[in-house]
């Protein structure tokens, strides 16, 4: 990749805030902006307006902190193991085909749950059988399994192994997000 220097005019207070954010994330302003612009380009190429996506994500974050979770429409009123297995399988295959990082999806789908633990190279999901969290955990396990992640699954505990190349940054980000939500 050939780097080209370009000048971008931003207000000083915005630049200072961005530098502070980049520093907290353990990176430089340039690397932070490169990453941000790369994601903007990706979402725009998928036909979605990036500022709207960020605004919606802000609202999702607020709602998840209030206890809301994603529930697929197919599961509403139809919580059966074969439905969960079928839906999770289809989603996992499609996400893998689209090149979506499934570890991000696991984090997103489990964000509102209090029974998620990070353990060395695994994300561990725990829930009592026949609860909403239990069914969501089963769905997440099927998505992870069918997108290529190694999953161990018992009736109340699911362990999802994180690939080595994603492990360190994902676990750090996951732990930070969990600490920020705890009262």
C-alpha atoms as a PDB file:
ATOM      1  CA  UNK A   1       0.000   0.000   0.000  1.00  0.00           C
ATOM      2  CA  UNK A   2       1.336   3.400  -0.995  1.00  0.00           C
ATOM      3  CA  UNK A   3       0.689   6.044   1.621  1.00  0.00           C
ATOM      4  CA  UNK A   4      -0.191   9.503   0.387  1.00  0.00           C
ATOM      5  CA  UNK A   5      -0.165  12.551   2.580  1.00  0.00           C
ATOM      6  CA  UNK A   6      -3.384  14.504   2.409  1.00  0.00           C
ATOM      7  CA  UNK A   7      -4.499  17.482   4.430  1.00  0.00           C
ATOM      8  CA  UNK A   8      -7.803  17.268   6.199  1.00  0.00           C
ATOM      9  CA  UNK A   9      -9.201  20.392   7.843  1.00  0.00           C
ATOM     10  CA  UNK A  10     -10.750  19.688  11.255  1.00  0.00           C
ATOM     11  CA  UNK A  11     -11.531  21.914  14.196  1.00  0.00           C
ATOM     12  CA  UNK A  12      -8.818  21.835  16.858  1.00  0.00           C
ATOM     13  CA  UNK A  13     -11.170  20.528  19.554  1.00  0.00           C
ATOM     14  CA  UNK A  14     -12.185  17.607  17.312  1.00  0.00           C
ATOM     15  CA  UNK A  15      -8.534  16.739  16.610  1.00  0.00           C
ATOM     16  CA  UNK A  16      -7.711  16.861  20.324  1.00  0.00           C
ATOM     17  CA  UNK A  17     -10.666  14.612  21.195  1.00  0.00           C
ATOM     18  CA  UNK A  18      -9.682  12.150  18.459  1.00  0.00           C
ATOM     19  CA  UNK A  19      -6.070  12.083  19.703  1.00  0.00           C
ATOM     20  CA  UNK A  20      -7.320  11.391  23.229  1.00  0.00           C
ATOM     21  CA  UNK A  21      -9.574   8.566  21.987  1.00  0.00           C
ATOM     22  CA  UNK A  22      -6.774   7.029  19.921  1.00  0.00           C
ATOM     23  CA  UNK A  23      -4.422   7.201  22.908  1.00  0.00           C
ATOM     24  CA  UNK A  24      -6.973   5.464  25.168  1.00  0.00           C
ATOM     25  CA  UNK A  25      -7.292   2.742  22.532  1.00  0.00           C
ATOM     26  CA  UNK A  26      -3.517   2.306  22.475  1.00  0.00           C
ATOM     27  CA  UNK A  27      -2.970   3.510  18.932  1.00  0.00           C
ATOM     28  CA  UNK A  28      -1.938   6.598  16.998  1.00  0.00           C
ATOM     29  CA  UNK A  29      -4.338   9.131  15.547  1.00  0.00           C
ATOM     30  CA  UNK A  30      -3.332   8.071  12.024  1.00  0.00           C
ATOM     31  CA  UNK A  31      -3.950   4.378  12.694  1.00  0.00           C
ATOM     32  CA  UNK A  32      -7.246   5.147  14.429  1.00  0.00           C
ATOM     33  CA  UNK A  33      -8.441   7.258  11.491  1.00  0.00           C
ATOM     34  CA  UNK A  34      -7.258   4.631   8.965  1.00  0.00           C
ATOM     35  CA  UNK A  35      -9.283   2.012  10.797  1.00  0.00           C
ATOM     36  CA  UNK A  36     -12.307   4.307  11.063  1.00  0.00           C
ATOM     37  CA  UNK A  37     -12.180   5.265   7.374  1.00  0.00           C
ATOM     38  CA  UNK A  38     -11.760   1.627   6.358  1.00  0.00           C
ATOM     39  CA  UNK A  39     -14.946   0.718   8.235  1.00  0.00           C
ATOM     40  CA  UNK A  40     -16.771   3.725   6.743  1.00  0.00           C
ATOM     41  CA  UNK A  41     -15.809   2.607   3.238  1.00  0.00           C
ATOM     42  CA  UNK A  42     -16.872  -0.984   3.960  1.00  0.00           C
ATOM     43  CA  UNK A  43     -20.308  -0.001   5.255  1.00  0.00           C
ATOM     44  CA  UNK A  44     -20.863   2.513   2.449  1.00  0.00           C
ATOM     45  CA  UNK A  45     -19.939  -0.154  -0.127  1.00  0.00           C
ATOM     46  CA  UNK A  46     -22.629  -2.350   1.434  1.00  0.00           C
ATOM     47  CA  UNK A  47     -25.109   0.438   0.629  1.00  0.00           C
ATOM     48  CA  UNK A  48     -25.543   1.853   4.120  1.00  0.00           C
ATOM     49  CA  UNK A  49     -24.970   5.480   5.136  1.00  0.00           C
ATOM     50  CA  UNK A  50     -22.101   5.428   7.666  1.00  0.00           C
ATOM     51  CA  UNK A  51     -23.223   8.363   9.876  1.00  0.00           C
ATOM     52  CA  UNK A  52     -26.645   6.722  10.244  1.00  0.00           C
ATOM     53  CA  UNK A  53     -24.973   3.400  11.127  1.00  0.00           C
ATOM     54  CA  UNK A  54     -22.943   5.071  13.877  1.00  0.00           C
ATOM     55  CA  UNK A  55     -26.006   6.837  15.241  1.00  0.00           C
ATOM     56  CA  UNK A  56     -27.970   3.551  15.275  1.00  0.00           C
ATOM     57  CA  UNK A  57     -25.065   1.810  16.977  1.00  0.00           C
ATOM     58  CA  UNK A  58     -25.082   4.500  19.675  1.00  0.00           C
ATOM     59  CA  UNK A  59     -28.762   3.790  20.310  1.00  0.00           C
ATOM     60  CA  UNK A  60     -28.138   0.023  20.334  1.00  0.00           C
ATOM     61  CA  UNK A  61     -25.402   0.554  22.920  1.00  0.00           C
ATOM     62  CA  UNK A  62     -27.755   2.571  25.121  1.00  0.00           C
ATOM     63  CA  UNK A  63     -30.516  -0.033  24.790  1.00  0.00           C
ATOM     64  CA  UNK A  64     -28.146  -2.931  25.542  1.00  0.00           C
ATOM     65  CA  UNK A  65     -27.134  -1.191  28.752  1.00  0.00           C
ATOM     66  CA  UNK A  66     -30.824  -1.080  29.622  1.00  0.00           C
ATOM     67  CA  UNK A  67     -31.095  -4.859  29.207  1.00  0.00           C
ATOM     68  CA  UNK A  68     -32.307  -5.149  25.608  1.00  0.00           C
ATOM     69  CA  UNK A  69     -30.948  -7.975  23.461  1.00  0.00           C
ATOM     70  CA  UNK A  70     -31.325  -8.991  19.825  1.00  0.00           C
ATOM     71  CA  UNK A  71     -33.897 -11.697  19.245  1.00  0.00           C
ATOM     72  CA  UNK A  72     -34.421 -13.029  15.705  1.00  0.00           C
ATOM     73  CA  UNK A  73     -38.008 -12.734  14.468  1.00  0.00           C
ATOM     74  CA  UNK A  74     -38.124 -16.480  13.767  1.00  0.00           C
ATOM     75  CA  UNK A  75     -37.680 -17.225  17.472  1.00  0.00           C
ATOM     76  CA  UNK A  76     -40.547 -15.101  18.741  1.00  0.00           C
ATOM     77  CA  UNK A  77     -43.282 -17.536  19.688  1.00  0.00           C
ATOM     78  CA  UNK A  78     -41.283 -20.404  18.178  1.00  0.00           C
ATOM     79  CA  UNK A  79     -38.561 -21.299  20.676  1.00  0.00           C
ATOM     80  CA  UNK A  80     -37.774 -24.889  19.771  1.00  0.00           C
ATOM     81  CA  UNK A  81     -34.341 -26.441  19.526  1.00  0.00           C
ATOM     82  CA  UNK A  82     -34.754 -27.364  15.844  1.00  0.00           C
ATOM     83  CA  UNK A  83     -35.704 -23.756  14.995  1.00  0.00           C
ATOM     84  CA  UNK A  84     -32.680 -22.423  16.872  1.00  0.00           C
ATOM     85  CA  UNK A  85     -30.363 -24.956  15.248  1.00  0.00           C
ATOM     86  CA  UNK A  86     -31.659 -24.258  11.742  1.00  0.00           C
ATOM     87  CA  UNK A  87     -31.579 -20.482  12.143  1.00  0.00           C
ATOM     88  CA  UNK A  88     -28.115 -20.502  13.721  1.00  0.00           C
ATOM     89  CA  UNK A  89     -26.766 -22.758  10.976  1.00  0.00           C
ATOM     90  CA  UNK A  90     -28.095 -20.523   8.212  1.00  0.00           C
ATOM     91  CA  UNK A  91     -26.835 -17.348   9.885  1.00  0.00           C
ATOM     92  CA  UNK A  92     -23.378 -18.813  10.510  1.00  0.00           C
ATOM     93  CA  UNK A  93     -22.961 -19.896   6.891  1.00  0.00           C
ATOM     94  CA  UNK A  94     -24.189 -16.550   5.534  1.00  0.00           C
ATOM     95  CA  UNK A  95     -21.976 -14.527   7.883  1.00  0.00           C
ATOM     96  CA  UNK A  96     -18.948 -16.580   6.890  1.00  0.00           C
ATOM     97  CA  UNK A  97     -19.793 -16.159   3.193  1.00  0.00           C
ATOM     98  CA  UNK A  98     -20.111 -12.383   3.655  1.00  0.00           C
ATOM     99  CA  UNK A  99     -16.731 -12.274   5.388  1.00  0.00           C
ATOM    100  CA  UNK A 100     -18.224 -10.915   8.610  1.00  0.00           C
ATOM    101  CA  UNK A 101     -16.087 -11.314  11.714  1.00  0.00           C
ATOM    102  CA  UNK A 102     -18.197 -13.755  13.716  1.00  0.00           C
ATOM    103  CA  UNK A 103     -16.392 -12.909  16.965  1.00  0.00           C
ATOM    104  CA  UNK A 104     -17.881  -9.412  16.615  1.00  0.00           C
ATOM    105  CA  UNK A 105     -21.310 -10.993  16.113  1.00  0.00           C
ATOM    106  CA  UNK A 106     -20.872 -13.163  19.221  1.00  0.00           C
ATOM    107  CA  UNK A 107     -19.990 -10.039  21.203  1.00  0.00           C
ATOM    108  CA  UNK A 108     -22.959  -8.122  19.814  1.00  0.00           C
ATOM    109  CA  UNK A 109     -25.497 -10.879  20.466  1.00  0.00           C
ATOM    110  CA  UNK A 110     -24.285 -11.507  24.009  1.00  0.00           C
ATOM    111  CA  UNK A 111     -23.682  -7.883  25.006  1.00  0.00           C
ATOM    112  CA  UNK A 112     -26.851  -7.479  27.076  1.00  0.00           C
ATOM    113  CA  UNK A 113     -26.338 -10.705  28.996  1.00  0.00           C
ATOM    114  CA  UNK A 114     -24.880 -10.853  32.483  1.00  0.00           C
ATOM    115  CA  UNK A 115     -23.765 -14.477  32.160  1.00  0.00           C
ATOM    116  CA  UNK A 116     -20.916 -14.068  29.684  1.00  0.00           C
ATOM    117  CA  UNK A 117     -17.339 -14.735  30.779  1.00  0.00           C
ATOM    118  CA  UNK A 118     -14.031 -14.342  29.008  1.00  0.00           C
ATOM    119  CA  UNK A 119     -11.612 -17.124  29.874  1.00  0.00           C
ATOM    120  CA  UNK A 120      -8.145 -17.286  28.250  1.00  0.00           C
ATOM    121  CA  UNK A 121      -8.973 -18.011  24.583  1.00  0.00           C
ATOM    122  CA  UNK A 122     -12.701 -18.581  25.047  1.00  0.00           C
ATOM    123  CA  UNK A 123     -15.969 -16.791  25.501  1.00  0.00           C
ATOM    124  CA  UNK A 124     -18.127 -18.778  27.925  1.00  0.00           C
ATOM    125  CA  UNK A 125     -21.905 -18.374  27.933  1.00  0.00           C
ATOM    126  CA  UNK A 126     -23.903 -19.643  30.904  1.00  0.00           C
ATOM    127  CA  UNK A 127     -27.678 -19.745  31.308  1.00  0.00           C
ATOM    128  CA  UNK A 128     -30.297 -21.818  33.040  1.00  0.00           C
ATOM    129  CA  UNK A 129     -32.152 -24.146  30.642  1.00  0.00           C
ATOM    130  CA  UNK A 130     -35.439 -22.918  29.159  1.00  0.00           C
ATOM    131  CA  UNK A 131     -34.717 -19.218  29.696  1.00  0.00           C
ATOM    132  CA  UNK A 132     -34.431 -16.565  26.971  1.00  0.00           C
ATOM    133  CA  UNK A 133     -30.679 -16.292  27.590  1.00  0.00           C
ATOM    134  CA  UNK A 134     -30.377 -20.081  27.236  1.00  0.00           C
ATOM    135  CA  UNK A 135     -32.045 -19.991  23.817  1.00  0.00           C
ATOM    136  CA  UNK A 136     -29.992 -16.992  22.722  1.00  0.00           C
ATOM    137  CA  UNK A 137     -26.811 -18.783  23.827  1.00  0.00           C
ATOM    138  CA  UNK A 138     -27.810 -21.835  21.779  1.00  0.00           C
ATOM    139  CA  UNK A 139     -28.393 -19.586  18.764  1.00  0.00           C
ATOM    140  CA  UNK A 140     -25.010 -17.884  19.224  1.00  0.00           C
ATOM    141  CA  UNK A 141     -23.342 -21.310  19.525  1.00  0.00           C
ATOM    142  CA  UNK A 142     -24.867 -22.458  16.219  1.00  0.00           C
ATOM    143  CA  UNK A 143     -23.837 -19.240  14.486  1.00  0.00           C
ATOM    144  CA  UNK A 144     -20.271 -19.598  15.794  1.00  0.00           C
ATOM    145  CA  UNK A 145     -20.075 -23.308  14.942  1.00  0.00           C
ATOM    146  CA  UNK A 146     -21.365 -22.857  11.396  1.00  0.00           C
ATOM    147  CA  UNK A 147     -19.055 -19.956  10.673  1.00  0.00           C
ATOM    148  CA  UNK A 148     -16.032 -22.054  11.568  1.00  0.00           C
ATOM    149  CA  UNK A 149     -15.370 -21.470  15.268  1.00  0.00           C
ATOM    150  CA  UNK A 150     -14.841 -24.369  17.667  1.00  0.00           C
ATOM    151  CA  UNK A 151     -17.778 -24.659  20.078  1.00  0.00           C
ATOM    152  CA  UNK A 152     -18.323 -26.879  23.125  1.00  0.00           C
ATOM    153  CA  UNK A 153     -21.933 -27.042  24.192  1.00  0.00           C
ATOM    154  CA  UNK A 154     -23.694 -28.550  27.195  1.00  0.00           C
ATOM    155  CA  UNK A 155     -27.203 -27.874  28.399  1.00  0.00           C
ATOM    156  CA  UNK A 156     -26.330 -24.757  30.404  1.00  0.00           C
ATOM    157  CA  UNK A 157     -22.756 -23.859  29.367  1.00  0.00           C
ATOM    158  CA  UNK A 158     -21.329 -22.986  25.955  1.00  0.00           C
ATOM    159  CA  UNK A 159     -17.670 -22.341  25.247  1.00  0.00           C
ATOM    160  CA  UNK A 160     -16.603 -20.615  22.011  1.00  0.00           C
ATOM    161  CA  UNK A 161     -12.901 -20.631  21.147  1.00  0.00           C
ATOM    162  CA  UNK A 162     -11.529 -17.414  19.687  1.00  0.00           C
ATOM    163  CA  UNK A 163      -9.001 -17.840  16.835  1.00  0.00           C
ATOM    164  CA  UNK A 164      -5.474 -16.913  17.928  1.00  0.00           C
ATOM    165  CA  UNK A 165      -5.107 -14.010  15.453  1.00  0.00           C
ATOM    166  CA  UNK A 166      -8.164 -12.294  16.921  1.00  0.00           C
ATOM    167  CA  UNK A 167      -7.657 -13.253  20.518  1.00  0.00           C
ATOM    168  CA  UNK A 168      -5.729 -10.411  22.116  1.00  0.00           C
ATOM    169  CA  UNK A 169      -7.506  -7.366  20.625  1.00  0.00           C
ATOM    170  CA  UNK A 170     -10.946  -8.991  20.949  1.00  0.00           C
ATOM    171  CA  UNK A 171     -10.499 -10.056  24.541  1.00  0.00           C
ATOM    172  CA  UNK A 172      -9.187  -6.629  25.541  1.00  0.00           C
ATOM    173  CA  UNK A 173     -12.102  -4.862  23.855  1.00  0.00           C
ATOM    174  CA  UNK A 174     -14.608  -7.374  25.250  1.00  0.00           C
ATOM    175  CA  UNK A 175     -13.294  -6.990  28.801  1.00  0.00           C
ATOM    176  CA  UNK A 176     -13.303  -3.169  28.532  1.00  0.00           C
ATOM    177  CA  UNK A 177     -16.909  -3.166  27.362  1.00  0.00           C
ATOM    178  CA  UNK A 178     -17.952  -5.521  30.172  1.00  0.00           C
ATOM    179  CA  UNK A 179     -16.196  -3.372  32.831  1.00  0.00           C
ATOM    180  CA  UNK A 180     -17.854  -0.176  31.574  1.00  0.00           C
ATOM    181  CA  UNK A 181     -21.341  -1.710  31.954  1.00  0.00           C
ATOM    182  CA  UNK A 182     -20.913  -3.042  35.476  1.00  0.00           C
ATOM    183  CA  UNK A 183     -22.359  -0.754  38.177  1.00  0.00           C
END
